[in-house]
Amino acid sequence: MNRKNLLQWLPFALLAVVMFTDLRTPVLGTLQRGLLATGLWQADAPKLPEKAPVVATSSTGYPHNLTLLDQQGREVSLSALKGKVVFVNLWASWCPPCVAEMPGIHALYKKLDPKKVAFVMISLDQNPAKAQNLIKRKGYTFPVYFPTANLPAPFDSNSIPSTVILGPDGQVAARHDGMADYDTPEFKAALEKLAAPRS
């Protein structure tokens, strides 16, 4: 094969390397993150209501009995976060849109008061080590959890990333399926307003 023919096939070879190796997720995630940053891809965060609708509570006084494992393998109950706004995000290390929105979620996490807003990043990776490696490699400090069983409503989703915002009483304030840019002044202000004590 001469040099001209080799140069014609080079883009296809590079595309194959990206699409059929472990480079696929970071490359596509970076491209999608770039589109979010430029505004060419509109992925707005959900609008939060002033007050979430009333739903039935469980025996714990919290609407959701959801037990998760933290990164050290300890069981954690979502009801332990009663009194805080909870940002729940379903993601996986192999999901390019999940990887693309994570820098924005992490930036938002660092700006909010952890006494008022909790982050629950639920990895759906079959192998938790892959999720943990991604978090470590990227330097993310938000808490990551793993499901112990099938996720109940409102956390069950046919697509990821998926985000559910719970009010301080555990009521669903908003839900968004798909990638979004959460690191905006408007969304931060809405979370803080939702976390503010009612008068």
C-alpha atoms as a PDB file:
ATOM      1  CA  MET A   1       0.000   0.000   0.000  1.00  0.00           C
ATOM      2  CA  ASN A   2       1.482   3.355  -1.008  1.00  0.00           C
ATOM      3  CA  ARG A   3       1.593   6.423   1.245  1.00  0.00           C
ATOM      4  CA  LYS A   4      -1.379   8.131  -0.441  1.00  0.00           C
ATOM      5  CA  ASN A   5      -3.632   5.112   0.140  1.00  0.00           C
ATOM      6  CA  LEU A   6      -2.398   4.829   3.719  1.00  0.00           C
ATOM      7  CA  LEU A   7      -3.311   8.479   4.411  1.00  0.00           C
ATOM      8  CA  GLN A   8      -6.793   7.913   2.949  1.00  0.00           C
ATOM      9  CA  TRP A   9      -7.440   5.052   5.359  1.00  0.00           C
ATOM     10  CA  LEU A  10      -5.890   6.729   8.418  1.00  0.00           C
ATOM     11  CA  PRO A  11      -9.065   8.577   9.522  1.00  0.00           C
ATOM     12  CA  PHE A  12     -11.053   5.340   9.368  1.00  0.00           C
ATOM     13  CA  ALA A  13      -8.384   3.525  11.362  1.00  0.00           C
ATOM     14  CA  LEU A  14      -8.382   6.259  14.021  1.00  0.00           C
ATOM     15  CA  LEU A  15     -12.182   6.179  14.177  1.00  0.00           C
ATOM     16  CA  ALA A  16     -12.100   2.400  14.618  1.00  0.00           C
ATOM     17  CA  VAL A  17      -9.538   2.709  17.421  1.00  0.00           C
ATOM     18  CA  VAL A  18     -11.709   5.264  19.223  1.00  0.00           C
ATOM     19  CA  MET A  19     -15.035   3.470  18.712  1.00  0.00           C
ATOM     20  CA  PHE A  20     -13.922  -0.066  19.513  1.00  0.00           C
ATOM     21  CA  THR A  21     -11.559   0.464  22.435  1.00  0.00           C
ATOM     22  CA  ASP A  22     -11.678   1.954  25.927  1.00  0.00           C
ATOM     23  CA  LEU A  23     -11.044   5.370  24.331  1.00  0.00           C
ATOM     24  CA  ARG A  24     -14.673   5.562  23.144  1.00  0.00           C
ATOM     25  CA  THR A  25     -16.223   6.879  26.373  1.00  0.00           C
ATOM     26  CA  PRO A  26     -13.626   9.547  27.233  1.00  0.00           C
ATOM     27  CA  VAL A  27     -13.395  10.813  23.643  1.00  0.00           C
ATOM     28  CA  LEU A  28     -17.163  11.010  23.111  1.00  0.00           C
ATOM     29  CA  GLY A  29     -17.643  12.422  26.625  1.00  0.00           C
ATOM     30  CA  THR A  30     -15.080  15.151  25.953  1.00  0.00           C
ATOM     31  CA  LEU A  31     -16.739  16.027  22.632  1.00  0.00           C
ATOM     32  CA  GLN A  32     -20.159  16.233  24.292  1.00  0.00           C
ATOM     33  CA  ARG A  33     -18.735  18.297  27.159  1.00  0.00           C
ATOM     34  CA  GLY A  34     -17.250  20.684  24.581  1.00  0.00           C
ATOM     35  CA  LEU A  35     -20.632  21.035  22.883  1.00  0.00           C
ATOM     36  CA  LEU A  36     -22.219  21.832  26.260  1.00  0.00           C
ATOM     37  CA  ALA A  37     -19.554  24.439  27.025  1.00  0.00           C
ATOM     38  CA  THR A  38     -19.975  26.203  23.677  1.00  0.00           C
ATOM     39  CA  GLY A  39     -23.756  26.286  23.944  1.00  0.00           C
ATOM     40  CA  LEU A  40     -24.151  24.433  20.640  1.00  0.00           C
ATOM     41  CA  TRP A  41     -25.855  21.609  22.542  1.00  0.00           C
ATOM     42  CA  GLN A  42     -28.669  22.910  24.708  1.00  0.00           C
ATOM     43  CA  ALA A  43     -28.998  20.646  27.734  1.00  0.00           C
ATOM     44  CA  ASP A  44     -30.700  22.759  30.366  1.00  0.00           C
ATOM     45  CA  ALA A  45     -31.131  21.533  33.911  1.00  0.00           C
ATOM     46  CA  PRO A  46     -34.709  20.880  35.031  1.00  0.00           C
ATOM     47  CA  LYS A  47     -36.768  23.713  36.485  1.00  0.00           C
ATOM     48  CA  LEU A  48     -37.357  23.282  40.201  1.00  0.00           C
ATOM     49  CA  PRO A  49     -40.752  24.188  41.654  1.00  0.00           C
ATOM     50  CA  GLU A  50     -41.040  26.399  44.715  1.00  0.00           C
ATOM     51  CA  LYS A  51     -42.664  23.496  46.554  1.00  0.00           C
ATOM     52  CA  ALA A  52     -42.688  19.801  45.684  1.00  0.00           C
ATOM     53  CA  PRO A  53     -45.983  17.847  45.563  1.00  0.00           C
ATOM     54  CA  VAL A  54     -46.987  15.747  48.556  1.00  0.00           C
ATOM     55  CA  VAL A  55     -46.376  11.993  48.313  1.00  0.00           C
ATOM     56  CA  ALA A  56     -46.966   9.152  50.731  1.00  0.00           C
ATOM     57  CA  THR A  57     -44.215   8.448  53.245  1.00  0.00           C
ATOM     58  CA  SER A  58     -42.871   5.110  54.380  1.00  0.00           C
ATOM     59  CA  SER A  59     -42.633   3.831  57.934  1.00  0.00           C
ATOM     60  CA  THR A  60     -39.403   5.840  58.336  1.00  0.00           C
ATOM     61  CA  GLY A  61     -41.282   9.074  57.633  1.00  0.00           C
ATOM     62  CA  TYR A  62     -39.340   9.389  54.376  1.00  0.00           C
ATOM     63  CA  PRO A  63     -40.933   8.541  51.026  1.00  0.00           C
ATOM     64  CA  HIS A  64     -38.062   6.412  49.712  1.00  0.00           C
ATOM     65  CA  ASN A  65     -36.588   3.270  51.235  1.00  0.00           C
ATOM     66  CA  LEU A  66     -33.410   3.069  49.200  1.00  0.00           C
ATOM     67  CA  THR A  67     -30.316   1.345  50.518  1.00  0.00           C
ATOM     68  CA  LEU A  68     -27.014   1.861  48.735  1.00  0.00           C
ATOM     69  CA  LEU A  69     -23.388   0.854  49.252  1.00  0.00           C
ATOM     70  CA  ASP A  70     -20.771   3.582  49.566  1.00  0.00           C
ATOM     71  CA  GLN A  71     -17.279   3.241  48.076  1.00  0.00           C
ATOM     72  CA  GLN A  72     -16.056   1.477  51.211  1.00  0.00           C
ATOM     73  CA  GLY A  73     -18.863  -1.126  50.956  1.00  0.00           C
ATOM     74  CA  ARG A  74     -20.933   0.248  53.864  1.00  0.00           C
ATOM     75  CA  GLU A  75     -24.720   0.334  53.631  1.00  0.00           C
ATOM     76  CA  VAL A  76     -26.249   3.801  53.512  1.00  0.00           C
ATOM     77  CA  SER A  77     -29.962   4.609  53.617  1.00  0.00           C
ATOM     78  CA  LEU A  78     -31.306   7.511  51.596  1.00  0.00           C
ATOM     79  CA  SER A  79     -33.641   8.325  54.493  1.00  0.00           C
ATOM     80  CA  ALA A  80     -30.548   9.399  56.481  1.00  0.00           C
ATOM     81  CA  LEU A  81     -30.532  12.509  54.274  1.00  0.00           C
ATOM     82  CA  LYS A  82     -33.969  13.678  55.430  1.00  0.00           C
ATOM     83  CA  GLY A  83     -33.898  17.434  55.926  1.00  0.00           C
ATOM     84  CA  LYS A  84     -31.556  18.066  52.978  1.00  0.00           C
ATOM     85  CA  VAL A  85     -32.186  18.635  49.313  1.00  0.00           C
ATOM     86  CA  VAL A  86     -30.803  15.543  47.582  1.00  0.00           C
ATOM     87  CA  PHE A  87     -29.299  15.589  44.085  1.00  0.00           C
ATOM     88  CA  VAL A  88     -29.462  11.964  42.862  1.00  0.00           C
ATOM     89  CA  ASN A  89     -27.666  11.180  39.613  1.00  0.00           C
ATOM     90  CA  LEU A  90     -27.666   7.786  37.874  1.00  0.00           C
ATOM     91  CA  TRP A  91     -24.591   7.248  35.722  1.00  0.00           C
ATOM     92  CA  ALA A  92     -22.038   4.723  34.501  1.00  0.00           C
ATOM     93  CA  SER A  93     -18.382   4.938  33.507  1.00  0.00           C
ATOM     94  CA  TRP A  94     -19.158   3.540  30.033  1.00  0.00           C
ATOM     95  CA  CYS A  95     -21.788   6.245  29.301  1.00  0.00           C
ATOM     96  CA  PRO A  96     -20.361   9.224  27.308  1.00  0.00           C
ATOM     97  CA  PRO A  97     -23.179  11.683  28.231  1.00  0.00           C
ATOM     98  CA  CYS A  98     -22.705  10.746  31.909  1.00  0.00           C
ATOM     99  CA  VAL A  99     -18.990  11.431  31.674  1.00  0.00           C
ATOM    100  CA  ALA A 100     -19.702  14.687  29.797  1.00  0.00           C
ATOM    101  CA  GLU A 101     -21.985  16.149  32.484  1.00  0.00           C
ATOM    102  CA  MET A 102     -19.836  15.106  35.465  1.00  0.00           C
ATOM    103  CA  PRO A 103     -17.485  18.121  35.472  1.00  0.00           C
ATOM    104  CA  GLY A 104     -20.511  20.408  35.800  1.00  0.00           C
ATOM    105  CA  ILE A 105     -22.029  18.295  38.564  1.00  0.00           C
ATOM    106  CA  HIS A 106     -18.729  18.284  40.433  1.00  0.00           C
ATOM    107  CA  ALA A 107     -18.383  22.071  40.079  1.00  0.00           C
ATOM    108  CA  LEU A 108     -21.931  22.504  41.446  1.00  0.00           C
ATOM    109  CA  TYR A 109     -21.195  20.080  44.296  1.00  0.00           C
ATOM    110  CA  LYS A 110     -18.212  22.178  45.391  1.00  0.00           C
ATOM    111  CA  LYS A 111     -20.314  25.379  45.452  1.00  0.00           C
ATOM    112  CA  LEU A 112     -23.177  24.145  47.650  1.00  0.00           C
ATOM    113  CA  ASP A 113     -23.412  23.801  51.433  1.00  0.00           C
ATOM    114  CA  PRO A 114     -23.248  20.035  52.233  1.00  0.00           C
ATOM    115  CA  LYS A 115     -25.369  20.661  55.338  1.00  0.00           C
ATOM    116  CA  LYS A 116     -28.238  21.705  53.071  1.00  0.00           C
ATOM    117  CA  VAL A 117     -27.703  19.840  49.785  1.00  0.00           C
ATOM    118  CA  ALA A 118     -26.486  16.233  49.513  1.00  0.00           C
ATOM    119  CA  PHE A 119     -25.199  14.595  46.352  1.00  0.00           C
ATOM    120  CA  VAL A 120     -25.884  10.909  45.695  1.00  0.00           C
ATOM    121  CA  MET A 121     -24.058   9.776  42.580  1.00  0.00           C
ATOM    122  CA  ILE A 122     -25.342   6.241  41.889  1.00  0.00           C
ATOM    123  CA  SER A 123     -23.081   4.219  39.600  1.00  0.00           C
ATOM    124  CA  LEU A 124     -24.803   1.553  37.531  1.00  0.00           C
ATOM    125  CA  ASP A 125     -21.513  -0.068  36.548  1.00  0.00           C
ATOM    126  CA  GLN A 126     -21.555  -3.870  36.832  1.00  0.00           C
ATOM    127  CA  ASN A 127     -17.977  -3.617  38.090  1.00  0.00           C
ATOM    128  CA  PRO A 128     -17.735  -0.936  40.838  1.00  0.00           C
ATOM    129  CA  ALA A 129     -13.949  -0.756  40.360  1.00  0.00           C
ATOM    130  CA  LYS A 130     -14.468   0.853  36.929  1.00  0.00           C
ATOM    131  CA  ALA A 131     -16.578   3.619  38.461  1.00  0.00           C
ATOM    132  CA  GLN A 132     -14.119   4.118  41.301  1.00  0.00           C
ATOM    133  CA  ASN A 133     -11.198   4.315  38.846  1.00  0.00           C
ATOM    134  CA  LEU A 134     -12.984   6.986  36.808  1.00  0.00           C
ATOM    135  CA  ILE A 135     -13.772   9.062  39.916  1.00  0.00           C
ATOM    136  CA  LYS A 136     -10.190   8.789  41.159  1.00  0.00           C
ATOM    137  CA  ARG A 137      -8.673   9.558  37.759  1.00  0.00           C
ATOM    138  CA  LYS A 138     -10.828  12.673  37.332  1.00  0.00           C
ATOM    139  CA  GLY A 139     -10.317  13.842  40.932  1.00  0.00           C
ATOM    140  CA  TYR A 140     -14.038  14.023  41.736  1.00  0.00           C
ATOM    141  CA  THR A 141     -14.850  14.289  45.421  1.00  0.00           C
ATOM    142  CA  PHE A 142     -18.622  13.898  45.418  1.00  0.00           C
ATOM    143  CA  PRO A 143     -19.904  10.738  47.112  1.00  0.00           C
ATOM    144  CA  VAL A 144     -20.451   7.717  44.864  1.00  0.00           C
ATOM    145  CA  TYR A 145     -22.798   4.864  45.721  1.00  0.00           C
ATOM    146  CA  PHE A 146     -23.798   1.517  44.246  1.00  0.00           C
ATOM    147  CA  PRO A 147     -27.296  -0.036  44.312  1.00  0.00           C
ATOM    148  CA  THR A 148     -27.883  -3.130  46.435  1.00  0.00           C
ATOM    149  CA  ALA A 149     -30.992  -4.121  44.433  1.00  0.00           C
ATOM    150  CA  ASN A 150     -33.141  -2.900  41.566  1.00  0.00           C
ATOM    151  CA  LEU A 151     -33.856   0.787  41.970  1.00  0.00           C
ATOM    152  CA  PRO A 152     -37.438   1.671  42.927  1.00  0.00           C
ATOM    153  CA  ALA A 153     -39.465   4.581  41.555  1.00  0.00           C
ATOM    154  CA  PRO A 154     -38.636   7.416  41.115  1.00  0.00           C
ATOM    155  CA  PHE A 155     -35.020   6.314  40.575  1.00  0.00           C
ATOM    156  CA  ASP A 156     -35.666   3.570  38.024  1.00  0.00           C
ATOM    157  CA  SER A 157     -34.954   4.842  34.540  1.00  0.00           C
ATOM    158  CA  ASN A 158     -34.681   3.445  31.051  1.00  0.00           C
ATOM    159  CA  SER A 159     -31.897   5.862  30.214  1.00  0.00           C
ATOM    160  CA  ILE A 160     -28.822   7.389  31.775  1.00  0.00           C
ATOM    161  CA  PRO A 161     -27.743   9.870  32.816  1.00  0.00           C
ATOM    162  CA  SER A 162     -30.845  10.512  34.854  1.00  0.00           C
ATOM    163  CA  THR A 163     -31.209  12.970  37.709  1.00  0.00           C
ATOM    164  CA  VAL A 164     -33.806  13.202  40.475  1.00  0.00           C
ATOM    165  CA  ILE A 165     -33.980  16.157  42.863  1.00  0.00           C
ATOM    166  CA  LEU A 166     -35.584  15.484  46.236  1.00  0.00           C
ATOM    167  CA  GLY A 167     -36.806  18.204  48.568  1.00  0.00           C
ATOM    168  CA  PRO A 168     -35.852  18.194  52.277  1.00  0.00           C
ATOM    169  CA  ASP A 169     -38.846  15.941  53.038  1.00  0.00           C
ATOM    170  CA  GLY A 170     -37.865  13.474  50.320  1.00  0.00           C
ATOM    171  CA  GLN A 171     -40.522  14.543  47.860  1.00  0.00           C
ATOM    172  CA  VAL A 172     -39.559  14.591  44.195  1.00  0.00           C
ATOM    173  CA  ALA A 173     -39.040  18.204  43.164  1.00  0.00           C
ATOM    174  CA  ALA A 174     -37.765  17.493  39.650  1.00  0.00           C
ATOM    175  CA  ARG A 175     -36.551  14.747  37.370  1.00  0.00           C
ATOM    176  CA  HIS A 176     -34.451  14.957  34.221  1.00  0.00           C
ATOM    177  CA  ASP A 177     -33.517  12.112  31.879  1.00  0.00           C
ATOM    178  CA  GLY A 178     -30.507  12.814  29.710  1.00  0.00           C
ATOM    179  CA  MET A 179     -27.450  15.019  29.897  1.00  0.00           C
ATOM    180  CA  ALA A 180     -27.723  18.524  31.363  1.00  0.00           C
ATOM    181  CA  ASP A 181     -25.511  21.404  32.400  1.00  0.00           C
ATOM    182  CA  TYR A 182     -26.192  21.725  36.133  1.00  0.00           C
ATOM    183  CA  ASP A 183     -23.422  24.204  36.889  1.00  0.00           C
ATOM    184  CA  THR A 184     -25.432  27.369  36.308  1.00  0.00           C
ATOM    185  CA  PRO A 185     -26.196  30.229  38.712  1.00  0.00           C
ATOM    186  CA  GLU A 186     -29.925  29.676  38.148  1.00  0.00           C
ATOM    187  CA  PHE A 187     -29.879  25.991  39.045  1.00  0.00           C
ATOM    188  CA  LYS A 188     -27.655  26.602  42.084  1.00  0.00           C
ATOM    189  CA  ALA A 189     -30.038  29.332  43.292  1.00  0.00           C
ATOM    190  CA  ALA A 190     -33.042  27.040  42.764  1.00  0.00           C
ATOM    191  CA  LEU A 191     -31.436  24.265  44.838  1.00  0.00           C
ATOM    192  CA  GLU A 192     -30.593  26.747  47.615  1.00  0.00           C
ATOM    193  CA  LYS A 193     -34.149  28.086  47.575  1.00  0.00           C
ATOM    194  CA  LEU A 194     -35.536  24.562  47.783  1.00  0.00           C
ATOM    195  CA  ALA A 195     -33.207  23.896  50.747  1.00  0.00           C
ATOM    196  CA  ALA A 196     -34.221  27.087  52.580  1.00  0.00           C
ATOM    197  CA  PRO A 197     -36.414  26.580  55.672  1.00  0.00           C
ATOM    198  CA  ARG A 198     -40.120  27.182  55.075  1.00  0.00           C
ATOM    199  CA  SER A 199     -41.651  30.055  57.023  1.00  0.00           C
END
